[in-house]
């Protein structure tokens, strides 16, 4: 994994966490994640980093390629707040 890919895969976590916390949720409340990876991002290393975001049981996940979008990684998440 290139340094650029590594950094791009780690950057969304604090933003995702902050958005969830502002809504009264936390990472463990996430039930569904959609991840868009650019052509330059690598799936296997991203998958390892993903495990740093979430623990088992992992949220449902969809990963889609995204070409020419101006980013390497974009993460959308749905959380259930009880």
Protein backbone atom coordinates (compact mmCIF):
# COMPACT_ATOMS: atom_id res chain seq x y z
CA UNK A 1 0.00 0.00 0.00
CA UNK A 2 1.33 3.40 -0.88
CA UNK A 3 1.71 6.06 1.78
CA UNK A 4 -0.98 8.10 0.03
CA UNK A 5 -3.42 5.16 0.18
CA UNK A 6 -2.56 4.45 3.80
CA UNK A 7 -3.20 8.04 4.84
CA UNK A 8 -6.41 8.25 2.79
CA UNK A 9 -7.79 5.11 4.46
CA UNK A 10 -7.08 6.44 7.98
CA UNK A 11 -8.32 10.02 7.48
CA UNK A 12 -12.10 9.33 7.48
CA UNK A 13 -12.15 7.71 10.95
CA UNK A 14 -11.96 10.84 13.14
CA UNK A 15 -14.54 12.59 10.96
CA UNK A 16 -16.90 9.62 11.04
CA UNK A 17 -16.47 9.30 14.79
CA UNK A 18 -17.11 13.04 15.34
CA UNK A 19 -20.25 13.00 13.20
CA UNK A 20 -21.60 9.96 15.04
CA UNK A 21 -20.84 11.47 18.45
CA UNK A 22 -22.53 14.75 17.50
CA UNK A 23 -25.63 12.67 16.77
CA UNK A 24 -25.45 10.80 20.07
CA UNK A 25 -24.01 7.62 18.51
CA UNK A 26 -20.69 5.83 18.51
CA UNK A 27 -18.85 3.53 16.11
CA UNK A 28 -20.36 0.47 17.79
CA UNK A 29 -23.85 1.77 16.86
CA UNK A 30 -23.11 1.58 13.13
CA UNK A 31 -25.22 -1.09 11.40
CA UNK A 32 -24.45 -0.42 7.70
CA UNK A 33 -21.42 1.04 5.92
CA UNK A 34 -20.95 1.92 2.26
CA UNK A 35 -17.35 2.45 1.20
CA UNK A 36 -16.27 3.98 -2.09
CA UNK A 37 -12.65 3.23 -3.01
CA UNK A 38 -10.91 5.00 -5.86
CA UNK A 39 -8.82 3.09 -8.36
CA UNK A 40 -5.71 4.01 -6.36
CA UNK A 41 -6.97 2.57 -3.07
CA UNK A 42 -6.27 -1.08 -2.33
CA UNK A 43 -8.97 -3.34 -0.88
CA UNK A 44 -6.90 -5.69 1.32
CA UNK A 45 -5.04 -2.96 3.25
CA UNK A 46 -8.28 -0.99 3.57
CA UNK A 47 -9.99 -4.09 4.97
CA UNK A 48 -7.30 -4.29 7.69
CA UNK A 49 -7.84 -0.63 8.56
CA UNK A 50 -11.63 -1.17 8.56
CA UNK A 51 -11.16 -3.64 11.43
CA UNK A 52 -9.66 -0.77 13.43
CA UNK A 53 -12.93 1.17 12.99
CA UNK A 54 -15.33 -1.60 13.94
CA UNK A 55 -15.32 -4.79 15.97
CA UNK A 56 -17.28 -8.02 15.60
CA UNK A 57 -20.06 -8.34 14.79
CA UNK A 58 -19.10 -6.04 11.93
CA UNK A 59 -21.75 -3.78 10.37
CA UNK A 60 -23.17 -4.81 7.01
CA UNK A 61 -20.88 -3.41 4.34
CA UNK A 62 -20.89 -2.56 0.67
CA UNK A 63 -17.67 -1.62 -1.11
CA UNK A 64 -17.89 0.02 -4.51
CA UNK A 65 -15.20 1.24 -6.89
CA UNK A 66 -15.29 4.95 -7.65
CA UNK A 67 -13.30 6.33 -10.56
CA UNK A 68 -12.37 9.97 -11.08
CA UNK A 69 -14.22 11.18 -7.99
CA UNK A 70 -11.43 13.32 -6.54
CA UNK A 71 -10.97 11.17 -3.44
CA UNK A 72 -9.44 7.82 -2.55
CA UNK A 73 -11.89 6.75 0.17
CA UNK A 74 -15.41 7.84 1.07
CA UNK A 75 -17.40 6.23 3.87
CA UNK A 76 -21.14 6.52 4.46
CA UNK A 77 -22.51 4.98 7.63
CA UNK A 78 -25.92 4.30 9.13
CA UNK A 79 -26.14 4.01 12.91
CA UNK A 80 -28.95 2.78 15.13
CA UNK A 81 -29.33 4.84 18.27
CA UNK A 82 -31.34 3.21 21.03
